[in-house]
Amino acid sequence: MSNISYAGKALLVHIPDLSQPSLYHTPRHKAPIRDSKSAGIGILSPLLETQIVVKSTKRAFILGTSFECYYKHISDMSTWYKLEFC
């Protein structure tokens, strides 16, 4: 993690097409042309500020996000990767 401040603005990132065998070589077959709306684009939120106290109104959101992350991603990980993750 970096300590770069983005002045509260979201950071836009482009994710390469991982369906290709290599990001560094030209594919043997041309990939079908996709419209620009389906391109791999993601938005990362700005860095979170350290909070001394968690407001009661934010606790449900934090728990919901934690459970969503667990049930969508972490629960599917193997035991070895869970240990590495922690």
N, C-alpha and C. Protein backbone atom coordinates (compact mmCIF):
# COMPACT_ATOMS: atom_id res chain seq x y z
N MET A 1 0.84 -1.18 0.00
CA MET A 1 0.00 0.00 0.00
C MET A 1 0.87 1.23 0.00
N SER A 2 0.42 2.22 -0.68
CA SER A 2 1.16 3.46 -0.69
C SER A 2 0.41 4.50 0.12
N ASN A 3 1.12 5.52 0.49
CA ASN A 3 0.53 6.59 1.27
C ASN A 3 0.25 7.81 0.39
N ILE A 4 -0.02 7.59 -0.87
CA ILE A 4 -0.28 8.68 -1.80
C ILE A 4 -1.70 9.17 -1.59
N SER A 5 -1.85 10.47 -1.52
CA SER A 5 -3.19 11.05 -1.37
C SER A 5 -3.72 11.42 -2.74
N TYR A 6 -4.96 11.08 -3.00
CA TYR A 6 -5.59 11.41 -4.27
C TYR A 6 -6.60 12.52 -4.11
N ALA A 7 -6.47 13.30 -3.06
CA ALA A 7 -7.34 14.45 -2.79
C ALA A 7 -8.81 14.06 -2.78
N GLY A 8 -9.12 12.88 -2.26
CA GLY A 8 -10.50 12.44 -2.14
C GLY A 8 -11.14 11.97 -3.43
N LYS A 9 -10.38 11.95 -4.53
CA LYS A 9 -10.93 11.51 -5.82
C LYS A 9 -10.62 10.03 -6.02
N ALA A 10 -11.50 9.36 -6.74
CA ALA A 10 -11.29 7.94 -7.04
C ALA A 10 -10.16 7.79 -8.05
N LEU A 11 -9.45 6.68 -7.97
CA LEU A 11 -8.36 6.38 -8.88
C LEU A 11 -8.87 5.39 -9.92
N LEU A 12 -8.73 5.72 -11.20
CA LEU A 12 -9.19 4.88 -12.30
C LEU A 12 -8.05 3.98 -12.75
N VAL A 13 -8.29 2.68 -12.81
CA VAL A 13 -7.27 1.74 -13.25
C VAL A 13 -7.80 0.93 -14.43
N HIS A 14 -6.90 0.55 -15.33
CA HIS A 14 -7.24 -0.31 -16.46
C HIS A 14 -6.64 -1.68 -16.20
N ILE A 15 -7.47 -2.71 -16.28
CA ILE A 15 -7.02 -4.07 -16.03
C ILE A 15 -6.85 -4.76 -17.37
N PRO A 16 -5.68 -5.37 -17.63
CA PRO A 16 -5.45 -6.01 -18.92
C PRO A 16 -6.34 -7.23 -19.10
N ASP A 17 -6.52 -7.63 -20.36
CA ASP A 17 -7.33 -8.80 -20.69
C ASP A 17 -6.54 -10.05 -20.33
N LEU A 18 -6.90 -10.71 -19.25
CA LEU A 18 -6.16 -11.88 -18.78
C LEU A 18 -6.53 -13.16 -19.51
N SER A 19 -7.43 -13.08 -20.49
CA SER A 19 -7.76 -14.27 -21.27
C SER A 19 -6.66 -14.57 -22.28
N GLN A 20 -5.76 -13.63 -22.52
CA GLN A 20 -4.65 -13.84 -23.43
C GLN A 20 -3.56 -14.65 -22.71
N PRO A 21 -2.84 -15.51 -23.44
CA PRO A 21 -1.82 -16.33 -22.80
C PRO A 21 -0.67 -15.53 -22.20
N SER A 22 -0.39 -14.36 -22.75
CA SER A 22 0.70 -13.55 -22.23
C SER A 22 0.38 -12.09 -22.46
N LEU A 23 0.70 -11.28 -21.48
CA LEU A 23 0.48 -9.84 -21.63
C LEU A 23 1.57 -9.20 -22.46
N TYR A 24 2.70 -9.92 -22.69
CA TYR A 24 3.86 -9.34 -23.34
C TYR A 24 4.04 -9.77 -24.79
N HIS A 25 3.22 -10.68 -25.27
CA HIS A 25 3.35 -11.16 -26.64
C HIS A 25 2.04 -10.96 -27.39
N THR A 26 2.17 -10.84 -28.70
CA THR A 26 0.99 -10.70 -29.54
C THR A 26 0.27 -12.04 -29.61
N PRO A 27 -1.05 -12.05 -29.42
CA PRO A 27 -1.77 -13.33 -29.49
C PRO A 27 -1.74 -13.90 -30.90
N ARG A 28 -1.77 -15.24 -31.01
CA ARG A 28 -1.75 -15.89 -32.32
C ARG A 28 -3.01 -15.59 -33.12
N HIS A 29 -4.13 -15.60 -32.45
CA HIS A 29 -5.40 -15.32 -33.10
C HIS A 29 -5.90 -13.98 -32.61
N LYS A 30 -6.49 -13.24 -33.51
CA LYS A 30 -7.03 -11.95 -33.09
C LYS A 30 -8.22 -12.17 -32.16
N ALA A 31 -8.21 -11.43 -31.10
CA ALA A 31 -9.33 -11.50 -30.16
C ALA A 31 -10.52 -10.78 -30.76
N PRO A 32 -11.73 -11.25 -30.49
CA PRO A 32 -12.90 -10.54 -31.00
C PRO A 32 -12.95 -9.13 -30.43
N ILE A 33 -13.40 -8.20 -31.25
CA ILE A 33 -13.48 -6.81 -30.83
C ILE A 33 -14.62 -6.66 -29.84
N ARG A 34 -14.29 -6.12 -28.69
CA ARG A 34 -15.29 -5.88 -27.66
C ARG A 34 -15.61 -4.40 -27.64
N ASP A 35 -16.83 -4.09 -27.28
CA ASP A 35 -17.16 -2.67 -27.18
C ASP A 35 -16.45 -2.10 -25.96
N SER A 36 -16.23 -0.79 -25.97
CA SER A 36 -15.44 -0.15 -24.92
C SER A 36 -16.11 -0.22 -23.55
N LYS A 37 -17.42 -0.47 -23.52
CA LYS A 37 -18.11 -0.55 -22.23
C LYS A 37 -17.73 -1.80 -21.46
N SER A 38 -17.30 -2.87 -22.17
CA SER A 38 -16.96 -4.11 -21.49
C SER A 38 -15.47 -4.22 -21.20
N ALA A 39 -14.71 -3.17 -21.48
CA ALA A 39 -13.28 -3.20 -21.21
C ALA A 39 -13.04 -3.32 -19.71
N GLY A 40 -11.88 -3.87 -19.38
CA GLY A 40 -11.57 -4.07 -17.97
C GLY A 40 -11.17 -2.78 -17.28
N ILE A 41 -12.12 -2.08 -16.76
CA ILE A 41 -11.87 -0.82 -16.07
C ILE A 41 -12.41 -0.94 -14.66
N GLY A 42 -11.63 -0.52 -13.71
CA GLY A 42 -12.08 -0.55 -12.33
C GLY A 42 -11.77 0.77 -11.64
N ILE A 43 -12.48 1.04 -10.60
CA ILE A 43 -12.26 2.26 -9.84
C ILE A 43 -11.88 1.87 -8.42
N LEU A 44 -10.75 2.37 -7.98
CA LEU A 44 -10.31 2.14 -6.62
C LEU A 44 -10.66 3.36 -5.79
N SER A 45 -11.13 3.14 -4.62
CA SER A 45 -11.47 4.27 -3.76
C SER A 45 -10.20 4.87 -3.18
N PRO A 46 -10.27 6.11 -2.78
CA PRO A 46 -9.09 6.73 -2.17
C PRO A 46 -8.75 6.02 -0.86
N LEU A 47 -7.55 6.28 -0.37
CA LEU A 47 -7.12 5.66 0.88
C LEU A 47 -8.07 6.00 2.01
N LEU A 48 -8.28 5.03 2.86
CA LEU A 48 -9.14 5.25 4.02
C LEU A 48 -8.35 5.93 5.12
N GLU A 49 -8.97 6.85 5.78
CA GLU A 49 -8.31 7.54 6.88
C GLU A 49 -8.44 6.69 8.14
N THR A 50 -7.44 6.77 8.99
CA THR A 50 -7.48 6.05 10.26
C THR A 50 -8.57 6.63 11.14
N GLN A 51 -9.39 5.75 11.68
CA GLN A 51 -10.49 6.18 12.54
C GLN A 51 -10.20 5.75 13.97
N ILE A 52 -10.32 6.67 14.91
CA ILE A 52 -10.11 6.33 16.32
C ILE A 52 -11.34 5.61 16.86
N VAL A 53 -12.50 6.06 16.46
CA VAL A 53 -13.77 5.49 16.92
C VAL A 53 -14.63 5.20 15.70
N VAL A 54 -15.33 4.07 15.72
CA VAL A 54 -16.25 3.73 14.64
C VAL A 54 -17.65 4.15 15.06
N LYS A 55 -18.26 5.00 14.24
CA LYS A 55 -19.63 5.44 14.55
C LYS A 55 -20.58 4.27 14.42
N SER A 56 -21.60 4.26 15.24
CA SER A 56 -22.55 3.15 15.21
C SER A 56 -23.27 3.05 13.87
N THR A 57 -23.39 4.16 13.16
CA THR A 57 -24.07 4.13 11.86
C THR A 57 -23.21 3.46 10.80
N LYS A 58 -21.90 3.38 11.01
CA LYS A 58 -21.01 2.77 10.03
C LYS A 58 -20.74 1.30 10.33
N ARG A 59 -21.07 0.84 11.51
CA ARG A 59 -20.78 -0.55 11.88
C ARG A 59 -21.48 -1.54 10.98
N ALA A 60 -22.74 -1.30 10.68
CA ALA A 60 -23.49 -2.23 9.81
C ALA A 60 -22.87 -2.29 8.42
N PHE A 61 -22.44 -1.15 7.91
CA PHE A 61 -21.81 -1.12 6.58
C PHE A 61 -20.50 -1.89 6.59
N ILE A 62 -19.70 -1.69 7.63
CA ILE A 62 -18.42 -2.40 7.74
C ILE A 62 -18.65 -3.90 7.84
N LEU A 63 -19.59 -4.31 8.67
CA LEU A 63 -19.90 -5.74 8.79
C LEU A 63 -20.43 -6.31 7.48
N GLY A 64 -21.31 -5.58 6.82
CA GLY A 64 -21.86 -6.04 5.55
C GLY A 64 -20.78 -6.23 4.51
N THR A 65 -19.86 -5.28 4.43
CA THR A 65 -18.75 -5.38 3.47
C THR A 65 -17.85 -6.55 3.82
N SER A 66 -17.58 -6.75 5.10
CA SER A 66 -16.74 -7.87 5.53
C SER A 66 -17.38 -9.21 5.18
N PHE A 67 -18.66 -9.35 5.47
CA PHE A 67 -19.36 -10.60 5.14
C PHE A 67 -19.41 -10.83 3.63
N GLU A 68 -19.66 -9.78 2.88
CA GLU A 68 -19.71 -9.92 1.42
C GLU A 68 -18.36 -10.38 0.89
N CYS A 69 -17.30 -9.78 1.38
CA CYS A 69 -15.95 -10.18 0.95
C CYS A 69 -15.69 -11.63 1.31
N TYR A 70 -16.06 -12.03 2.52
CA TYR A 70 -15.82 -13.40 2.95
C TYR A 70 -16.59 -14.40 2.08
N TYR A 71 -17.88 -14.18 1.93
CA TYR A 71 -18.70 -15.16 1.22
C TYR A 71 -18.46 -15.16 -0.28
N LYS A 72 -17.98 -14.07 -0.86
CA LYS A 72 -17.73 -14.04 -2.30
C LYS A 72 -16.31 -14.48 -2.65
N HIS A 73 -15.35 -14.24 -1.76
CA HIS A 73 -13.96 -14.47 -2.14
C HIS A 73 -13.21 -15.37 -1.16
N ILE A 74 -13.19 -14.99 0.10
CA ILE A 74 -12.33 -15.68 1.06
C ILE A 74 -12.79 -17.11 1.32
N SER A 75 -14.08 -17.36 1.36
CA SER A 75 -14.56 -18.72 1.65
C SER A 75 -14.18 -19.70 0.54
N ASP A 76 -13.95 -19.22 -0.68
CA ASP A 76 -13.56 -20.08 -1.79
C ASP A 76 -12.07 -20.38 -1.82
N MET A 77 -11.30 -19.67 -1.02
CA MET A 77 -9.85 -19.86 -1.02
C MET A 77 -9.49 -21.15 -0.30
N SER A 78 -8.37 -21.76 -0.72
CA SER A 78 -7.90 -22.95 -0.02
C SER A 78 -7.34 -22.55 1.34
N THR A 79 -7.20 -23.52 2.22
CA THR A 79 -6.71 -23.24 3.57
C THR A 79 -5.33 -22.58 3.54
N TRP A 80 -4.46 -23.05 2.64
CA TRP A 80 -3.11 -22.49 2.54
C TRP A 80 -3.16 -21.00 2.22
N TYR A 81 -3.98 -20.61 1.25
CA TYR A 81 -4.07 -19.21 0.88
C TYR A 81 -4.72 -18.37 1.97
N LYS A 82 -5.64 -18.96 2.71
CA LYS A 82 -6.24 -18.24 3.84
C LYS A 82 -5.18 -17.90 4.88
N LEU A 83 -4.28 -18.85 5.15
CA LEU A 83 -3.20 -18.60 6.10
C LEU A 83 -2.26 -17.51 5.58
N GLU A 84 -1.94 -17.56 4.29
CA GLU A 84 -1.09 -16.53 3.70
C GLU A 84 -1.78 -15.18 3.71
N PHE A 85 -3.08 -15.17 3.50
CA PHE A 85 -3.87 -13.93 3.49
C PHE A 85 -3.82 -13.25 4.85
N CYS A 86 -3.91 -14.06 5.91
CA CYS A 86 -3.89 -13.49 7.27
C CYS A 86 -2.51 -13.07 7.65
